[in-house]
C-alpha atoms as a PDB file:
ATOM      1  CA  MET A   1      -9.398  29.408  -1.867  1.00  0.00           C
ATOM      2  CA  VAL A   2      -5.617  29.515  -1.400  1.00  0.00           C
ATOM      3  CA  SER A   3      -3.780  26.574  -2.869  1.00  0.00           C
ATOM      4  CA  GLU A   4      -1.747  24.543  -0.342  1.00  0.00           C
ATOM      5  CA  ASN A   5       0.320  21.423  -0.636  1.00  0.00           C
ATOM      6  CA  TYR A   6      -1.163  18.152   0.599  1.00  0.00           C
ATOM      7  CA  ALA A   7      -0.253  14.508   0.978  1.00  0.00           C
ATOM      8  CA  LEU A   8      -3.029  12.384  -0.494  1.00  0.00           C
ATOM      9  CA  ILE A   9      -3.234   8.933   1.093  1.00  0.00           C
ATOM     10  CA  THR A  10      -5.554   6.215  -0.195  1.00  0.00           C
ATOM     11  CA  GLY A  11      -6.945   3.516   2.069  1.00  0.00           C
ATOM     12  CA  SER A  12      -6.370   5.911   4.964  1.00  0.00           C
ATOM     13  CA  SER A  13      -9.306   5.281   7.284  1.00  0.00           C
ATOM     14  CA  ARG A  14      -7.374   2.672   9.277  1.00  0.00           C
ATOM     15  CA  GLY A  15      -4.348   0.385   9.309  1.00  0.00           C
ATOM     16  CA  ILE A  16      -1.287   1.252   7.236  1.00  0.00           C
ATOM     17  CA  GLY A  17      -2.974   4.146   5.451  1.00  0.00           C
ATOM     18  CA  LYS A  18      -4.023   5.769   8.717  1.00  0.00           C
ATOM     19  CA  ALA A  19      -0.462   5.365  10.027  1.00  0.00           C
ATOM     20  CA  PHE A  20       0.884   7.070   6.888  1.00  0.00           C
ATOM     21  CA  ALA A  21      -1.549   9.954   7.394  1.00  0.00           C
ATOM     22  CA  MET A  22      -0.590  10.305  11.059  1.00  0.00           C
ATOM     23  CA  GLU A  23       3.115  10.210  10.192  1.00  0.00           C
ATOM     24  CA  CYS A  24       2.735  12.902   7.543  1.00  0.00           C
ATOM     25  CA  ALA A  25       0.641  15.081   9.842  1.00  0.00           C
ATOM     26  CA  SER A  26       3.218  14.716  12.626  1.00  0.00           C
ATOM     27  CA  ARG A  27       5.658  16.370  10.212  1.00  0.00           C
ATOM     28  CA  SER A  28       3.249  19.305   9.719  1.00  0.00           C
ATOM     29  CA  ILE A  29       2.125  18.047   6.309  1.00  0.00           C
ATOM     30  CA  ASN A  30      -1.496  18.693   5.330  1.00  0.00           C
ATOM     31  CA  VAL A  31      -3.325  15.489   4.460  1.00  0.00           C
ATOM     32  CA  LEU A  32      -6.192  14.322   2.278  1.00  0.00           C
ATOM     33  CA  LEU A  33      -7.755  11.022   3.286  1.00  0.00           C
ATOM     34  CA  VAL A  34      -9.345   8.800   0.650  1.00  0.00           C
ATOM     35  CA  SER A  35     -11.047   5.556   1.613  1.00  0.00           C
ATOM     36  CA  ARG A  36     -14.338   3.746   1.179  1.00  0.00           C
ATOM     37  CA  SER A  37     -15.042   3.669   4.929  1.00  0.00           C
ATOM     38  CA  GLY A  38     -16.949   6.883   5.598  1.00  0.00           C
ATOM     39  CA  ASN A  39     -17.336   6.717   9.395  1.00  0.00           C
ATOM     40  CA  ASN A  40     -13.753   5.664  10.093  1.00  0.00           C
ATOM     41  CA  LEU A  41     -12.574   8.292   7.632  1.00  0.00           C
ATOM     42  CA  GLU A  42     -14.333  11.107   9.486  1.00  0.00           C
ATOM     43  CA  GLU A  43     -12.995   9.881  12.823  1.00  0.00           C
ATOM     44  CA  THR A  44      -9.439   9.696  11.481  1.00  0.00           C
ATOM     45  CA  ALA A  45      -9.726  13.171   9.945  1.00  0.00           C
ATOM     46  CA  SER A  46     -10.972  14.625  13.248  1.00  0.00           C
ATOM     47  CA  LEU A  47      -8.228  12.884  15.218  1.00  0.00           C
ATOM     48  CA  ILE A  48      -5.479  14.207  12.937  1.00  0.00           C
ATOM     49  CA  ARG A  49      -6.931  17.708  12.866  1.00  0.00           C
ATOM     50  CA  GLU A  50      -7.119  17.926  16.648  1.00  0.00           C
ATOM     51  CA  LYS A  51      -3.776  16.272  17.375  1.00  0.00           C
ATOM     52  CA  PHE A  52      -1.528  17.868  14.758  1.00  0.00           C
ATOM     53  CA  LYS A  53      -3.293  21.117  13.804  1.00  0.00           C
ATOM     54  CA  VAL A  54      -2.803  20.596  10.073  1.00  0.00           C
ATOM     55  CA  GLN A  55      -5.278  20.994   7.216  1.00  0.00           C
ATOM     56  CA  VAL A  56      -7.285  17.795   6.717  1.00  0.00           C
ATOM     57  CA  ASP A  57     -10.018  16.818   4.304  1.00  0.00           C
ATOM     58  CA  HIS A  58     -11.494  13.467   3.374  1.00  0.00           C
ATOM     59  CA  PHE A  59     -13.249  11.872   0.427  1.00  0.00           C
ATOM     60  CA  PRO A  60     -15.143   8.590   0.932  1.00  0.00           C
ATOM     61  CA  ILE A  61     -15.060   6.450  -2.208  1.00  0.00           C
ATOM     62  CA  ASP A  62     -14.412   2.882  -3.330  1.00  0.00           C
ATOM     63  CA  LEU A  63     -11.358   3.056  -5.569  1.00  0.00           C
ATOM     64  CA  ALA A  64     -12.178  -0.358  -7.033  1.00  0.00           C
ATOM     65  CA  GLU A  65     -15.046   1.241  -8.933  1.00  0.00           C
ATOM     66  CA  LYS A  66     -14.248   2.294 -12.503  1.00  0.00           C
ATOM     67  CA  GLU A  67     -14.705   6.076 -12.268  1.00  0.00           C
ATOM     68  CA  SER A  68     -13.290   6.514  -8.763  1.00  0.00           C
ATOM     69  CA  PRO A  69      -9.699   7.604  -9.549  1.00  0.00           C
ATOM     70  CA  GLN A  70     -11.022  10.293 -11.894  1.00  0.00           C
ATOM     71  CA  LYS A  71     -13.515  11.430  -9.234  1.00  0.00           C
ATOM     72  CA  VAL A  72     -10.713  11.763  -6.671  1.00  0.00           C
ATOM     73  CA  TYR A  73      -8.638  13.811  -9.099  1.00  0.00           C
ATOM     74  CA  ASN A  74     -11.606  16.023 -10.014  1.00  0.00           C
ATOM     75  CA  TRP A  75     -12.321  16.619  -6.310  1.00  0.00           C
ATOM     76  CA  CYS A  76      -8.753  17.791  -5.735  1.00  0.00           C
ATOM     77  CA  ARG A  77      -8.982  20.145  -8.711  1.00  0.00           C
ATOM     78  CA  GLU A  78     -12.336  21.535  -7.619  1.00  0.00           C
ATOM     79  CA  MET A  79     -11.055  22.135  -4.084  1.00  0.00           C
ATOM     80  CA  ASN A  80      -7.816  23.633  -5.416  1.00  0.00           C
ATOM     81  CA  TYR A  81      -5.711  21.128  -3.489  1.00  0.00           C
ATOM     82  CA  THR A  82      -2.115  20.785  -4.684  1.00  0.00           C
ATOM     83  CA  ILE A  83      -0.821  17.232  -4.252  1.00  0.00           C
ATOM     84  CA  ASN A  84       2.925  17.089  -3.704  1.00  0.00           C
ATOM     85  CA  ILE A  85       2.858  13.676  -1.996  1.00  0.00           C
ATOM     86  CA  LEU A  86       0.785  10.791  -3.372  1.00  0.00           C
ATOM     87  CA  ILE A  87       0.682   7.640  -1.262  1.00  0.00           C
ATOM     88  CA  ASN A  88      -1.097   4.772  -3.007  1.00  0.00           C
ATOM     89  CA  ASN A  89      -1.842   2.471  -0.106  1.00  0.00           C
ATOM     90  CA  ALA A  90      -5.359   1.186  -0.914  1.00  0.00           C
ATOM     91  CA  GLY A  91      -5.307  -2.519  -1.632  1.00  0.00           C
ATOM     92  CA  VAL A  92      -6.753  -5.848  -0.620  1.00  0.00           C
ATOM     93  CA  GLY A  93      -5.020  -9.086   0.322  1.00  0.00           C
ATOM     94  CA  GLY A  94      -6.326 -12.511   1.240  1.00  0.00           C
ATOM     95  CA  THR A  95      -5.451 -16.174   0.903  1.00  0.00           C
ATOM     96  CA  ASP A  96      -7.553 -18.700  -1.023  1.00  0.00           C
ATOM     97  CA  VAL A  97      -7.415 -21.547  -3.525  1.00  0.00           C
ATOM     98  CA  PHE A  98      -7.434 -19.941  -6.984  1.00  0.00           C
ATOM     99  CA  ASP A  99     -10.103 -22.148  -8.597  1.00  0.00           C
ATOM    100  CA  GLY A 100     -12.091 -22.178  -5.376  1.00  0.00           C
ATOM    101  CA  SER A 101     -12.473 -18.412  -5.071  1.00  0.00           C
ATOM    102  CA  SER A 102     -15.099 -16.311  -6.822  1.00  0.00           C
ATOM    103  CA  VAL A 103     -14.604 -14.169  -9.898  1.00  0.00           C
ATOM    104  CA  GLU A 104     -15.419 -11.142  -7.758  1.00  0.00           C
ATOM    105  CA  TYR A 105     -12.650 -12.070  -5.302  1.00  0.00           C
ATOM    106  CA  ASP A 106      -9.933 -11.927  -7.945  1.00  0.00           C
ATOM    107  CA  ASP A 107     -11.421  -9.021  -9.861  1.00  0.00           C
ATOM    108  CA  GLN A 108     -11.432  -6.840  -6.756  1.00  0.00           C
ATOM    109  CA  ARG A 109      -7.702  -7.426  -6.284  1.00  0.00           C
ATOM    110  CA  ILE A 110      -6.993  -6.553  -9.906  1.00  0.00           C
ATOM    111  CA  GLN A 111      -9.169  -3.429  -9.899  1.00  0.00           C
ATOM    112  CA  LEU A 112      -7.915  -2.038  -6.590  1.00  0.00           C
ATOM    113  CA  ASN A 113      -4.329  -3.252  -6.339  1.00  0.00           C
ATOM    114  CA  ILE A 114      -3.446  -2.539  -9.974  1.00  0.00           C
ATOM    115  CA  ARG A 115      -5.917  -0.424 -11.930  1.00  0.00           C
ATOM    116  CA  ALA A 116      -6.706   2.170  -9.273  1.00  0.00           C
ATOM    117  CA  LEU A 117      -3.029   2.658  -8.390  1.00  0.00           C
ATOM    118  CA  VAL A 118      -1.998   3.093 -12.019  1.00  0.00           C
ATOM    119  CA  LEU A 119      -4.747   5.605 -12.750  1.00  0.00           C
ATOM    120  CA  MET A 120      -4.028   7.629  -9.613  1.00  0.00           C
ATOM    121  CA  CYS A 121      -0.431   7.996 -10.800  1.00  0.00           C
ATOM    122  CA  LYS A 122      -1.559   8.711 -14.359  1.00  0.00           C
ATOM    123  CA  LEU A 123      -3.918  11.493 -13.288  1.00  0.00           C
ATOM    124  CA  PHE A 124      -1.735  13.248 -10.727  1.00  0.00           C
ATOM    125  CA  ILE A 125       1.739  13.052 -12.299  1.00  0.00           C
ATOM    126  CA  PRO A 126       1.219  15.876 -14.862  1.00  0.00           C
ATOM    127  CA  ASP A 127       0.321  18.317 -12.069  1.00  0.00           C
ATOM    128  CA  MET A 128       3.050  17.030  -9.760  1.00  0.00           C
ATOM    129  CA  LYS A 129       5.653  17.612 -12.478  1.00  0.00           C
ATOM    130  CA  LYS A 130       4.957  21.342 -12.213  1.00  0.00           C
ATOM    131  CA  LEU A 131       6.028  21.436  -8.571  1.00  0.00           C
ATOM    132  CA  LYS A 132       9.542  22.087  -7.329  1.00  0.00           C
ATOM    133  CA  GLN A 133       9.572  18.716  -5.553  1.00  0.00           C
ATOM    134  CA  ALA A 134       6.996  15.926  -5.334  1.00  0.00           C
ATOM    135  CA  TYR A 135       6.873  12.344  -4.123  1.00  0.00           C
ATOM    136  CA  ILE A 136       4.969   9.171  -4.987  1.00  0.00           C
ATOM    137  CA  LEU A 137       4.988   6.252  -2.554  1.00  0.00           C
ATOM    138  CA  ASN A 138       3.341   3.037  -3.748  1.00  0.00           C
ATOM    139  CA  VAL A 139       2.662   0.216  -1.321  1.00  0.00           C
ATOM    140  CA  SER A 140       3.656  -3.210  -2.617  1.00  0.00           C
ATOM    141  CA  SER A 141       4.614  -6.240  -0.536  1.00  0.00           C
ATOM    142  CA  LEU A 142       7.458  -8.672  -0.015  1.00  0.00           C
ATOM    143  CA  SER A 143       5.101 -11.032  -1.876  1.00  0.00           C
ATOM    144  CA  ALA A 144       6.062  -9.114  -5.018  1.00  0.00           C
ATOM    145  CA  PHE A 145       9.327 -11.056  -5.189  1.00  0.00           C
ATOM    146  CA  PHE A 146       7.700 -14.492  -4.999  1.00  0.00           C
ATOM    147  CA  SER A 147       5.176 -16.658  -6.860  1.00  0.00           C
ATOM    148  CA  ILE A 148       2.998 -17.627  -3.935  1.00  0.00           C
ATOM    149  CA  PRO A 149       0.474 -20.477  -4.052  1.00  0.00           C
ATOM    150  CA  TYR A 150      -2.913 -19.505  -2.598  1.00  0.00           C
ATOM    151  CA  LYS A 151      -1.979 -15.845  -3.073  1.00  0.00           C
ATOM    152  CA  SER A 152      -1.628 -16.034  -6.841  1.00  0.00           C
ATOM    153  CA  VAL A 153      -3.479 -12.885  -7.883  1.00  0.00           C
ATOM    154  CA  TYR A 154      -2.468 -10.881  -4.815  1.00  0.00           C
ATOM    155  CA  ALA A 155       1.251 -11.676  -5.162  1.00  0.00           C
ATOM    156  CA  ALA A 156       1.115 -11.016  -8.901  1.00  0.00           C
ATOM    157  CA  SER A 157      -0.646  -7.695  -8.306  1.00  0.00           C
ATOM    158  CA  LYS A 158       2.058  -6.623  -5.869  1.00  0.00           C
ATOM    159  CA  SER A 159       4.729  -7.748  -8.329  1.00  0.00           C
ATOM    160  CA  PHE A 160       3.059  -5.450 -10.838  1.00  0.00           C
ATOM    161  CA  VAL A 161       3.168  -2.558  -8.351  1.00  0.00           C
ATOM    162  CA  LEU A 162       6.891  -3.119  -7.785  1.00  0.00           C
ATOM    163  CA  SER A 163       7.712  -3.315 -11.493  1.00  0.00           C
ATOM    164  CA  PHE A 164       5.441  -0.411 -12.404  1.00  0.00           C
ATOM    165  CA  SER A 165       6.882   1.818  -9.670  1.00  0.00           C
ATOM    166  CA  LYS A 166      10.459   1.150 -10.751  1.00  0.00           C
ATOM    167  CA  SER A 167       9.552   1.757 -14.378  1.00  0.00           C
ATOM    168  CA  ILE A 168       7.939   5.164 -13.814  1.00  0.00           C
ATOM    169  CA  SER A 169      10.750   6.051 -11.413  1.00  0.00           C
ATOM    170  CA  TYR A 170      13.191   5.719 -14.320  1.00  0.00           C
ATOM    171  CA  GLU A 171      10.874   7.648 -16.636  1.00  0.00           C
ATOM    172  CA  LEU A 172      10.571  10.489 -14.127  1.00  0.00           C
ATOM    173  CA  SER A 173      14.233  10.568 -13.108  1.00  0.00           C
ATOM    174  CA  ASP A 174      14.749  13.919 -14.862  1.00  0.00           C
ATOM    175  CA  SER A 175      11.615  15.428 -13.340  1.00  0.00           C
ATOM    176  CA  SER A 176      10.835  16.845  -9.899  1.00  0.00           C
ATOM    177  CA  ILE A 177       9.006  13.651  -8.897  1.00  0.00           C
ATOM    178  CA  SER A 178      10.677  10.987  -6.775  1.00  0.00           C
ATOM    179  CA  VAL A 179       8.999   7.562  -6.907  1.00  0.00           C
ATOM    180  CA  SER A 180       9.378   5.008  -4.125  1.00  0.00           C
ATOM    181  CA  VAL A 181       7.782   1.622  -3.493  1.00  0.00           C
ATOM    182  CA  VAL A 182       7.662  -0.077  -0.093  1.00  0.00           C
ATOM    183  CA  CYS A 183       7.502  -3.865   0.260  1.00  0.00           C
ATOM    184  CA  PRO A 184       6.500  -4.782   3.824  1.00  0.00           C
ATOM    185  CA  ASN A 185       5.844  -8.217   5.243  1.00  0.00           C
ATOM    186  CA  GLY A 186       3.791  -9.133   8.286  1.00  0.00           C
ATOM    187  CA  VAL A 187       1.970  -5.899   9.140  1.00  0.00           C
ATOM    188  CA  ILE A 188      -0.768  -6.246  11.758  1.00  0.00           C
ATOM    189  CA  THR A 189      -3.760  -4.233  10.588  1.00  0.00           C
ATOM    190  CA  ASN A 190      -6.697  -6.388  11.737  1.00  0.00           C
ATOM    191  CA  GLU A 191      -7.560  -9.707  13.384  1.00  0.00           C
ATOM    192  CA  GLU A 192      -7.789 -11.594  10.087  1.00  0.00           C
ATOM    193  CA  ILE A 193      -4.285 -10.590   9.064  1.00  0.00           C
ATOM    194  CA  LEU A 194      -2.956 -11.383  12.543  1.00  0.00           C
ATOM    195  CA  SER A 195      -4.449 -14.877  12.211  1.00  0.00           C
ATOM    196  CA  ARG A 196      -2.685 -15.399   8.870  1.00  0.00           C
ATOM    197  CA  ILE A 197       0.625 -14.163  10.321  1.00  0.00           C
ATOM    198  CA  ASN A 198       0.332 -16.437  13.358  1.00  0.00           C
ATOM    199  CA  ALA A 199      -0.216 -19.401  11.038  1.00  0.00           C
ATOM    200  CA  HIS A 200       3.431 -19.062   9.979  1.00  0.00           C
ATOM    201  CA  GLY A 201       4.761 -19.512  13.506  1.00  0.00           C
ATOM    202  CA  LEU A 202       8.237 -18.138  14.301  1.00  0.00           C
ATOM    203  CA  ILE A 203       8.961 -16.760  10.819  1.00  0.00           C
ATOM    204  CA  GLY A 204       5.662 -14.913  10.909  1.00  0.00           C
ATOM    205  CA  ARG A 205       6.495 -13.345  14.266  1.00  0.00           C
ATOM    206  CA  LEU A 206      10.007 -12.369  13.166  1.00  0.00           C
ATOM    207  CA  THR A 207       8.708 -10.422  10.169  1.00  0.00           C
ATOM    208  CA  LEU A 208       6.110  -8.473  12.178  1.00  0.00           C
ATOM    209  CA  ILE A 209       6.181  -4.696  12.058  1.00  0.00           C
ATOM    210  CA  SER A 210       3.738  -2.183  13.470  1.00  0.00           C
ATOM    211  CA  THR A 211       1.889   0.184  11.171  1.00  0.00           C
ATOM    212  CA  ASP A 212       3.439   3.185  12.941  1.00  0.00           C
ATOM    213  CA  ARG A 213       6.989   1.897  12.507  1.00  0.00           C
ATOM    214  CA  LEU A 214       6.330   0.981   8.882  1.00  0.00           C
ATOM    215  CA  ALA A 215       5.014   4.472   8.184  1.00  0.00           C
ATOM    216  CA  GLU A 216       8.016   6.115   9.842  1.00  0.00           C
ATOM    217  CA  ILE A 217      10.539   3.997   7.920  1.00  0.00           C
ATOM    218  CA  SER A 218       8.701   4.456   4.615  1.00  0.00           C
ATOM    219  CA  ILE A 219       8.286   8.228   4.845  1.00  0.00           C
ATOM    220  CA  ASN A 220      11.918   8.707   5.886  1.00  0.00           C
ATOM    221  CA  ALA A 221      13.100   6.603   2.950  1.00  0.00           C
ATOM    222  CA  MET A 222      10.692   8.338   0.556  1.00  0.00           C
ATOM    223  CA  PHE A 223      12.130  11.744   1.434  1.00  0.00           C
ATOM    224  CA  ARG A 224      15.635  10.356   0.904  1.00  0.00           C
ATOM    225  CA  GLY A 225      14.606   9.315  -2.599  1.00  0.00           C
ATOM    226  CA  LYS A 226      15.022   5.573  -1.971  1.00  0.00           C
ATOM    227  CA  GLU A 227      13.432   3.630  -4.814  1.00  0.00           C
ATOM    228  CA  VAL A 228      12.684   0.232  -3.232  1.00  0.00           C
ATOM    229  CA  ILE A 229      12.099   0.144   0.525  1.00  0.00           C
ATOM    230  CA  ILE A 230      12.428  -3.203   2.354  1.00  0.00           C
ATOM    231  CA  PRO A 231      11.637  -2.758   6.064  1.00  0.00           C
ATOM    232  CA  LYS A 232      13.416  -4.991   8.625  1.00  0.00           C
ATOM    233  CA  PRO A 233      16.650  -6.967   8.105  1.00  0.00           C
ATOM    234  CA  ILE A 234      14.788 -10.302   8.265  1.00  0.00           C
ATOM    235  CA  ASN A 235      12.970  -9.449   5.041  1.00  0.00           C
ATOM    236  CA  LYS A 236      16.234  -8.592   3.310  1.00  0.00           C
ATOM    237  CA  PHE A 237      17.553 -11.965   4.459  1.00  0.00           C
ATOM    238  CA  LEU A 238      14.499 -13.720   2.997  1.00  0.00           C
ATOM    239  CA  LEU A 239      15.188 -12.035  -0.342  1.00  0.00           C
ATOM    240  CA  PHE A 240      18.812 -13.191  -0.179  1.00  0.00           C
ATOM    241  CA  VAL A 241      17.645 -16.777   0.388  1.00  0.00           C
ATOM    242  CA  HIS A 242      15.189 -16.357  -2.495  1.00  0.00           C
ATOM    243  CA  LYS A 243      18.084 -15.596  -4.838  1.00  0.00           C
ATOM    244  CA  ILE A 244      20.136 -18.656  -3.951  1.00  0.00           C
ATOM    245  CA  ILE A 245      17.572 -21.388  -3.344  1.00  0.00           C
ATOM    246  CA  PRO A 246      16.487 -23.563  -6.332  1.00  0.00           C
ATOM    247  CA  GLU A 247      13.064 -22.528  -7.606  1.00  0.00           C
ATOM    248  CA  LYS A 248      11.452 -25.973  -7.280  1.00  0.00           C
ATOM    249  CA  ILE A 249      12.499 -26.235  -3.649  1.00  0.00           C
ATOM    250  CA  GLU A 250      11.321 -22.719  -2.930  1.00  0.00           C
ATOM    251  CA  GLN A 251       7.921 -23.356  -4.501  1.00  0.00           C
ATOM    252  CA  LYS A 252       7.426 -26.531  -2.450  1.00  0.00           C
ATOM    253  CA  LEU A 253       8.261 -24.586   0.701  1.00  0.00           C
ATOM    254  CA  LEU A 254       5.889 -21.771  -0.237  1.00  0.00           C
ATOM    255  CA  LEU A 255       3.115 -24.230  -1.068  1.00  0.00           C
ATOM    256  CA  ARG A 256       3.425 -25.850   2.338  1.00  0.00           C
ATOM    257  CA  GLU A 257       3.833 -22.556   4.192  1.00  0.00           C
ATOM    258  CA  PHE A 258       0.874 -20.734   2.683  1.00  0.00           C
ATOM    259  CA  ASN A 259      -1.379 -23.746   2.895  1.00  0.00           C
ATOM    260  CA  LYS A 260      -1.168 -23.007   6.625  1.00  0.00           C
ATOM    261  CA  GLU A 261      -3.026 -19.732   5.978  1.00  0.00           C
ATOM    262  CA  VAL A 262      -5.713 -21.531   4.001  1.00  0.00           C
ATOM    263  CA  GLN A 263      -6.204 -24.074   6.759  1.00  0.00           C
ATOM    264  CA  ALA A 264      -6.200 -21.369   9.451  1.00  0.00           C
ATOM    265  CA  SER A 265      -8.909 -19.540   7.521  1.00  0.00           C
ATOM    266  CA  LYS A 266     -11.000 -22.714   7.187  1.00  0.00           C
ATOM    267  CA  ASN A 267     -10.639 -23.492  10.876  1.00  0.00           C
ATOM    268  CA  LYS A 268     -11.743 -19.975  11.753  1.00  0.00           C
ATOM    269  CA  ILE A 269     -14.878 -20.336   9.600  1.00  0.00           C
ATOM    270  CA  THR A 270     -15.800 -23.719  11.027  1.00  0.00           C
END
């Protein structure tokens, strides 16, 4: 089998990951889709193959499971796929009271948002270093810049992704690998997320961005070698406010604002 370059995208059966895969394929980049959703994964692979005429393969797996990153890497080696673009999109969000959520709830966010992403980078970087040019794009969140009540583990996990991505970017600055991290806010990927966004009223609507637009902005910035990608001016403004507002005031505002998501979730259940 002839070795060809591929973009490997995790969490790519739907939502942001699917948009990343479609954006790459629209640029005539071969894609490998990795996600735990087998049926959606096959449908997405078929759609991309038919629409863009690129090479597509898919690997259904739950990256939150301990051996999964190694299994993905082994699959690529066995199939002789050369990964020159690694997009670590797989992750899980949510809003809940910390001491009211289950152990499994928090552990899933740690395993998927942090551990899986780190190990995917760890496994693929040595091979990517051998290429003339390679790219890593990690998906964080605007939450990474804040300590958010009711999103404690999620926000902390995305803060880790931001810090980790910047750290390895510096380490790899003399290599052929460019590392970028994107920090979106308010991306509509399903009804649950839309409900949480709507709970924030006007500010929620102002930060909205489509998955297609996010993918386009992120891939363009990745190829330019931009380290930290903040889509939409409103999000840059929020970060400016974050820098100048006293922490105690900010935390009170965040507590009140994200309690809206908790209440919206409760109302939906009842």
